[in-house]
Amino acid sequence: MPDTDPHIHVEVNVVRADAAVRNVLASTFGLAGDLPAEVRTGCGLRVPYAMTSARPESVTCLACREHAHRQHLRVAEQIVVLGGMPGATISGAQAVPAAAEHRALARRFAGPGTP
């Protein structure tokens, strides 16, 4: 990857959010693991972690935006299915707003005017 890539990307595992997991571990157990220097992105590149964002408004790589859009829609559907399963850790009532949040994020990644 050239050092002149001006784009902000998303990590390939959009929903996992390593930084959020790291913050929970740090606040719960006082452990703070190092974040990777480089990460794989939704468009297939390896870029410095600092050149990624989970905020749709910050991501400028179109391929990464499309990747994040698809991933959030996929997770929303998985949440709905999980909420309807007997013995699931979340109820159908909890699944509905969680899925709605992922669909809203997917719309934000898709850009303005997307239903």
N, C-alpha and C. Protein backbone atom coordinates (compact mmCIF):
# COMPACT_ATOMS: atom_id res chain seq x y z
N MET A 1 0.84 -1.17 0.00
CA MET A 1 0.00 0.00 0.00
C MET A 1 0.89 1.24 0.00
N PRO A 2 0.61 2.15 -0.87
CA PRO A 2 1.42 3.37 -0.88
C PRO A 2 1.13 4.21 0.36
N ASP A 3 2.16 4.90 0.84
CA ASP A 3 2.00 5.75 2.02
C ASP A 3 1.14 6.97 1.74
N THR A 4 0.79 7.21 0.49
CA THR A 4 0.03 8.39 0.12
C THR A 4 -1.47 8.14 0.06
N ASP A 5 -1.94 6.98 0.49
CA ASP A 5 -3.38 6.69 0.47
C ASP A 5 -4.09 7.64 1.43
N PRO A 6 -4.91 8.54 0.89
CA PRO A 6 -5.54 9.54 1.75
C PRO A 6 -6.84 9.06 2.39
N HIS A 7 -7.29 7.85 2.07
CA HIS A 7 -8.61 7.40 2.49
C HIS A 7 -8.64 6.87 3.92
N ILE A 8 -9.80 7.04 4.52
CA ILE A 8 -10.09 6.43 5.81
C ILE A 8 -10.90 5.18 5.51
N HIS A 9 -10.51 4.06 6.11
CA HIS A 9 -11.09 2.76 5.81
C HIS A 9 -11.86 2.22 7.02
N VAL A 10 -12.48 1.05 6.85
CA VAL A 10 -13.06 0.31 7.98
C VAL A 10 -12.32 -1.02 8.09
N GLU A 11 -12.24 -1.53 9.30
CA GLU A 11 -11.63 -2.85 9.50
C GLU A 11 -12.50 -3.90 8.83
N VAL A 12 -11.90 -4.99 8.42
CA VAL A 12 -12.64 -6.05 7.75
C VAL A 12 -13.73 -6.61 8.67
N ASN A 13 -13.46 -6.68 9.96
CA ASN A 13 -14.46 -7.13 10.93
C ASN A 13 -15.13 -5.91 11.53
N VAL A 14 -15.98 -5.30 10.75
CA VAL A 14 -16.61 -4.03 11.10
C VAL A 14 -17.31 -4.08 12.46
N VAL A 15 -18.04 -5.12 12.70
CA VAL A 15 -18.89 -5.19 13.88
C VAL A 15 -18.10 -5.55 15.13
N ARG A 16 -17.00 -6.24 14.98
CA ARG A 16 -16.24 -6.70 16.14
C ARG A 16 -15.65 -5.56 16.95
N ALA A 17 -15.14 -4.55 16.33
CA ALA A 17 -14.62 -3.34 16.98
C ALA A 17 -13.60 -3.64 18.07
N ASP A 18 -12.37 -3.96 17.66
CA ASP A 18 -11.30 -4.28 18.60
C ASP A 18 -11.08 -3.21 19.65
N ALA A 19 -11.18 -1.96 19.26
CA ALA A 19 -10.95 -0.87 20.23
C ALA A 19 -12.00 -0.90 21.33
N ALA A 20 -13.24 -1.18 20.99
CA ALA A 20 -14.31 -1.24 21.99
C ALA A 20 -14.07 -2.39 22.95
N VAL A 21 -13.67 -3.54 22.42
CA VAL A 21 -13.37 -4.69 23.27
C VAL A 21 -12.20 -4.36 24.19
N ARG A 22 -11.19 -3.71 23.66
CA ARG A 22 -10.02 -3.32 24.45
C ARG A 22 -10.45 -2.39 25.59
N ASN A 23 -11.32 -1.43 25.31
CA ASN A 23 -11.77 -0.49 26.34
C ASN A 23 -12.55 -1.19 27.45
N VAL A 24 -13.39 -2.18 27.08
CA VAL A 24 -14.14 -2.93 28.09
C VAL A 24 -13.18 -3.71 28.98
N LEU A 25 -12.21 -4.38 28.39
CA LEU A 25 -11.23 -5.13 29.18
C LEU A 25 -10.44 -4.20 30.10
N ALA A 26 -10.07 -3.05 29.58
CA ALA A 26 -9.29 -2.11 30.39
C ALA A 26 -10.11 -1.60 31.56
N SER A 27 -11.37 -1.27 31.33
CA SER A 27 -12.18 -0.73 32.42
C SER A 27 -12.62 -1.81 33.40
N THR A 28 -12.78 -3.04 32.94
CA THR A 28 -13.23 -4.12 33.81
C THR A 28 -12.08 -4.73 34.61
N PHE A 29 -10.99 -5.06 33.94
CA PHE A 29 -9.91 -5.80 34.57
C PHE A 29 -8.63 -5.01 34.75
N GLY A 30 -8.58 -3.81 34.22
CA GLY A 30 -7.35 -3.03 34.30
C GLY A 30 -6.30 -3.50 33.32
N LEU A 31 -6.72 -4.28 32.32
CA LEU A 31 -5.80 -4.77 31.30
C LEU A 31 -5.92 -3.90 30.06
N ALA A 32 -4.82 -3.56 29.47
CA ALA A 32 -4.86 -2.75 28.25
C ALA A 32 -3.89 -3.34 27.23
N GLY A 33 -4.41 -4.19 26.37
CA GLY A 33 -3.58 -4.76 25.31
C GLY A 33 -3.33 -3.74 24.22
N ASP A 34 -2.25 -3.93 23.51
CA ASP A 34 -1.92 -3.03 22.42
C ASP A 34 -2.80 -3.30 21.22
N LEU A 35 -3.22 -2.24 20.56
CA LEU A 35 -3.93 -2.39 19.30
C LEU A 35 -2.90 -2.66 18.21
N PRO A 36 -3.30 -3.36 17.16
CA PRO A 36 -2.33 -3.65 16.10
C PRO A 36 -1.91 -2.38 15.37
N ALA A 37 -0.70 -2.36 14.87
CA ALA A 37 -0.21 -1.21 14.12
C ALA A 37 -0.92 -1.11 12.78
N GLU A 38 -1.16 -2.27 12.16
CA GLU A 38 -1.86 -2.33 10.87
C GLU A 38 -3.02 -3.29 10.97
N VAL A 39 -4.07 -3.02 10.20
CA VAL A 39 -5.24 -3.90 10.17
C VAL A 39 -5.65 -4.14 8.72
N ARG A 40 -6.35 -5.23 8.52
CA ARG A 40 -6.91 -5.53 7.21
C ARG A 40 -8.23 -4.79 7.09
N THR A 41 -8.51 -4.24 5.92
CA THR A 41 -9.69 -3.42 5.74
C THR A 41 -10.74 -4.12 4.88
N GLY A 42 -11.92 -3.53 4.84
CA GLY A 42 -13.01 -4.07 4.03
C GLY A 42 -12.72 -4.09 2.55
N CYS A 43 -11.80 -3.23 2.09
CA CYS A 43 -11.45 -3.21 0.67
C CYS A 43 -10.27 -4.11 0.35
N GLY A 44 -9.74 -4.79 1.38
CA GLY A 44 -8.66 -5.75 1.16
C GLY A 44 -7.26 -5.23 1.40
N LEU A 45 -7.10 -3.97 1.72
CA LEU A 45 -5.77 -3.41 2.00
C LEU A 45 -5.37 -3.65 3.45
N ARG A 46 -4.11 -3.47 3.73
CA ARG A 46 -3.60 -3.40 5.10
C ARG A 46 -3.17 -1.96 5.30
N VAL A 47 -3.76 -1.32 6.29
CA VAL A 47 -3.46 0.08 6.54
C VAL A 47 -3.17 0.29 8.02
N PRO A 48 -2.53 1.40 8.38
CA PRO A 48 -2.34 1.70 9.79
C PRO A 48 -3.70 1.80 10.49
N TYR A 49 -3.75 1.31 11.72
CA TYR A 49 -5.00 1.35 12.49
C TYR A 49 -5.55 2.78 12.56
N ALA A 50 -4.66 3.75 12.63
CA ALA A 50 -5.07 5.15 12.72
C ALA A 50 -5.82 5.63 11.48
N MET A 51 -5.73 4.90 10.38
CA MET A 51 -6.42 5.28 9.14
C MET A 51 -7.73 4.54 8.98
N THR A 52 -8.30 4.06 10.11
CA THR A 52 -9.60 3.40 10.07
C THR A 52 -10.56 4.12 11.00
N SER A 53 -11.84 3.90 10.75
CA SER A 53 -12.87 4.48 11.60
C SER A 53 -14.11 3.61 11.54
N ALA A 54 -14.86 3.59 12.63
CA ALA A 54 -16.15 2.89 12.65
C ALA A 54 -17.29 3.86 12.40
N ARG A 55 -16.98 5.16 12.34
CA ARG A 55 -18.00 6.18 12.10
C ARG A 55 -18.23 6.32 10.60
N PRO A 56 -19.43 6.07 10.12
CA PRO A 56 -19.69 6.15 8.68
C PRO A 56 -19.30 7.48 8.05
N GLU A 57 -19.50 8.58 8.77
CA GLU A 57 -19.20 9.90 8.22
C GLU A 57 -17.70 10.12 8.01
N SER A 58 -16.88 9.34 8.66
CA SER A 58 -15.42 9.50 8.55
C SER A 58 -14.81 8.63 7.46
N VAL A 59 -15.49 7.58 7.04
CA VAL A 59 -14.93 6.62 6.08
C VAL A 59 -15.04 7.19 4.67
N THR A 60 -13.89 7.32 4.01
CA THR A 60 -13.86 7.89 2.66
C THR A 60 -13.61 6.86 1.56
N CYS A 61 -13.21 5.65 1.92
CA CYS A 61 -12.99 4.58 0.93
C CYS A 61 -14.35 3.99 0.55
N LEU A 62 -14.74 4.12 -0.71
CA LEU A 62 -16.06 3.65 -1.13
C LEU A 62 -16.21 2.14 -0.99
N ALA A 63 -15.17 1.39 -1.31
CA ALA A 63 -15.25 -0.06 -1.17
C ALA A 63 -15.44 -0.47 0.29
N CYS A 64 -14.79 0.24 1.20
CA CYS A 64 -14.96 -0.03 2.63
C CYS A 64 -16.37 0.33 3.09
N ARG A 65 -16.90 1.43 2.58
CA ARG A 65 -18.26 1.83 2.94
C ARG A 65 -19.26 0.76 2.49
N GLU A 66 -19.08 0.24 1.27
CA GLU A 66 -19.97 -0.82 0.77
C GLU A 66 -19.83 -2.08 1.62
N HIS A 67 -18.60 -2.41 1.99
CA HIS A 67 -18.35 -3.58 2.84
C HIS A 67 -19.06 -3.42 4.18
N ALA A 68 -18.91 -2.26 4.82
CA ALA A 68 -19.55 -2.01 6.11
C ALA A 68 -21.07 -2.05 5.99
N HIS A 69 -21.60 -1.50 4.91
CA HIS A 69 -23.04 -1.53 4.66
C HIS A 69 -23.54 -2.97 4.64
N ARG A 70 -22.88 -3.81 3.86
CA ARG A 70 -23.29 -5.23 3.76
C ARG A 70 -23.16 -5.94 5.10
N GLN A 71 -22.06 -5.70 5.81
CA GLN A 71 -21.83 -6.39 7.08
C GLN A 71 -22.88 -6.02 8.12
N HIS A 72 -23.23 -4.75 8.22
CA HIS A 72 -24.24 -4.34 9.20
C HIS A 72 -25.61 -4.91 8.85
N LEU A 73 -25.95 -4.98 7.57
CA LEU A 73 -27.22 -5.61 7.18
C LEU A 73 -27.22 -7.10 7.52
N ARG A 74 -26.09 -7.76 7.29
CA ARG A 74 -25.99 -9.19 7.59
C ARG A 74 -26.14 -9.43 9.10
N VAL A 75 -25.48 -8.62 9.91
CA VAL A 75 -25.57 -8.78 11.36
C VAL A 75 -26.99 -8.49 11.84
N ALA A 76 -27.65 -7.51 11.25
CA ALA A 76 -29.03 -7.20 11.64
C ALA A 76 -29.93 -8.42 11.42
N GLU A 77 -29.77 -9.08 10.28
CA GLU A 77 -30.57 -10.27 10.01
C GLU A 77 -30.24 -11.40 10.98
N GLN A 78 -28.97 -11.57 11.30
CA GLN A 78 -28.57 -12.61 12.26
C GLN A 78 -29.16 -12.33 13.63
N ILE A 79 -29.21 -11.09 14.04
CA ILE A 79 -29.78 -10.73 15.34
C ILE A 79 -31.26 -11.07 15.38
N VAL A 80 -31.98 -10.77 14.30
CA VAL A 80 -33.41 -11.07 14.25
C VAL A 80 -33.65 -12.57 14.36
N VAL A 81 -32.86 -13.36 13.64
CA VAL A 81 -32.99 -14.81 13.70
C VAL A 81 -32.67 -15.31 15.10
N LEU A 82 -31.59 -14.82 15.68
CA LEU A 82 -31.19 -15.23 17.01
C LEU A 82 -32.27 -14.90 18.04
N GLY A 83 -32.87 -13.73 17.94
CA GLY A 83 -33.91 -13.32 18.88
C GLY A 83 -35.14 -14.19 18.84
N GLY A 84 -35.36 -14.86 17.72
CA GLY A 84 -36.53 -15.73 17.58
C GLY A 84 -36.28 -17.18 17.97
N MET A 85 -35.06 -17.51 18.33
CA MET A 85 -34.73 -18.89 18.66
C MET A 85 -35.01 -19.18 20.12
N PRO A 86 -35.58 -20.35 20.40
CA PRO A 86 -35.80 -20.72 21.80
C PRO A 86 -34.47 -20.86 22.54
N GLY A 87 -34.40 -20.32 23.74
CA GLY A 87 -33.20 -20.42 24.54
C GLY A 87 -32.11 -19.44 24.17
N ALA A 88 -32.42 -18.50 23.28
CA ALA A 88 -31.41 -17.51 22.88
C ALA A 88 -31.07 -16.60 24.05
N THR A 89 -29.88 -16.03 24.01
CA THR A 89 -29.45 -15.15 25.09
C THR A 89 -30.12 -13.78 25.01
N ILE A 90 -30.72 -13.46 23.87
CA ILE A 90 -31.50 -12.22 23.77
C ILE A 90 -32.91 -12.57 23.35
N SER A 91 -33.87 -11.78 23.80
CA SER A 91 -35.26 -12.02 23.45
C SER A 91 -35.59 -11.34 22.13
N GLY A 92 -36.73 -11.68 21.58
CA GLY A 92 -37.18 -11.03 20.36
C GLY A 92 -37.35 -9.53 20.58
N ALA A 93 -37.81 -9.15 21.78
CA ALA A 93 -38.00 -7.73 22.09
C ALA A 93 -36.66 -7.00 22.15
N GLN A 94 -35.60 -7.68 22.57
CA GLN A 94 -34.28 -7.06 22.60
C GLN A 94 -33.64 -7.05 21.21
N ALA A 95 -33.99 -8.04 20.40
CA ALA A 95 -33.39 -8.16 19.07
C ALA A 95 -33.87 -7.06 18.13
N VAL A 96 -35.11 -6.65 18.27
CA VAL A 96 -35.67 -5.67 17.34
C VAL A 96 -34.89 -4.35 17.37
N PRO A 97 -34.67 -3.71 18.53
CA PRO A 97 -33.91 -2.46 18.49
C PRO A 97 -32.44 -2.66 18.12
N ALA A 98 -31.85 -3.78 18.50
CA ALA A 98 -30.46 -4.04 18.13
C ALA A 98 -30.33 -4.16 16.62
N ALA A 99 -31.25 -4.89 15.99
CA ALA A 99 -31.23 -5.03 14.54
C ALA A 99 -31.48 -3.67 13.87
N ALA A 100 -32.38 -2.89 14.44
CA ALA A 100 -32.67 -1.56 13.89
C ALA A 100 -31.44 -0.66 13.93
N GLU A 101 -30.66 -0.78 14.99
CA GLU A 101 -29.44 0.02 15.11
C GLU A 101 -28.44 -0.35 14.02
N HIS A 102 -28.31 -1.64 13.74
CA HIS A 102 -27.39 -2.07 12.68
C HIS A 102 -27.91 -1.66 11.31
N ARG A 103 -29.21 -1.71 11.10
CA ARG A 103 -29.76 -1.25 9.81
C ARG A 103 -29.53 0.24 9.63
N ALA A 104 -29.67 1.00 10.72
CA ALA A 104 -29.42 2.44 10.64
C ALA A 104 -27.95 2.73 10.31
N LEU A 105 -27.04 1.97 10.92
CA LEU A 105 -25.62 2.12 10.58
C LEU A 105 -25.37 1.76 9.12
N ALA A 106 -26.03 0.71 8.65
CA ALA A 106 -25.87 0.30 7.26
C ALA A 106 -26.33 1.43 6.32
N ARG A 107 -27.44 2.08 6.65
CA ARG A 107 -27.92 3.21 5.83
C ARG A 107 -26.91 4.36 5.84
N ARG A 108 -26.33 4.62 7.00
CA ARG A 108 -25.34 5.70 7.09
C ARG A 108 -24.10 5.38 6.24
N PHE A 109 -23.69 4.11 6.22
CA PHE A 109 -22.54 3.74 5.39
C PHE A 109 -22.90 3.80 3.92
N ALA A 110 -24.16 3.54 3.57
CA ALA A 110 -24.56 3.56 2.17
C ALA A 110 -24.62 4.98 1.64
N GLY A 111 -24.85 5.94 2.50
CA GLY A 111 -24.85 7.34 2.07
C GLY A 111 -26.25 7.91 2.05
N PRO A 112 -26.34 9.21 1.81
CA PRO A 112 -27.63 9.89 1.82
C PRO A 112 -28.54 9.39 0.71
N GLY A 113 -29.82 9.39 1.01
CA GLY A 113 -30.81 8.99 0.01
C GLY A 113 -31.02 7.50 -0.11
N THR A 114 -30.35 6.70 0.72
CA THR A 114 -30.51 5.26 0.68
C THR A 114 -31.63 4.85 1.64
N PRO A 115 -32.58 4.08 1.17
CA PRO A 115 -33.69 3.67 2.07
C PRO A 115 -33.24 2.72 3.15
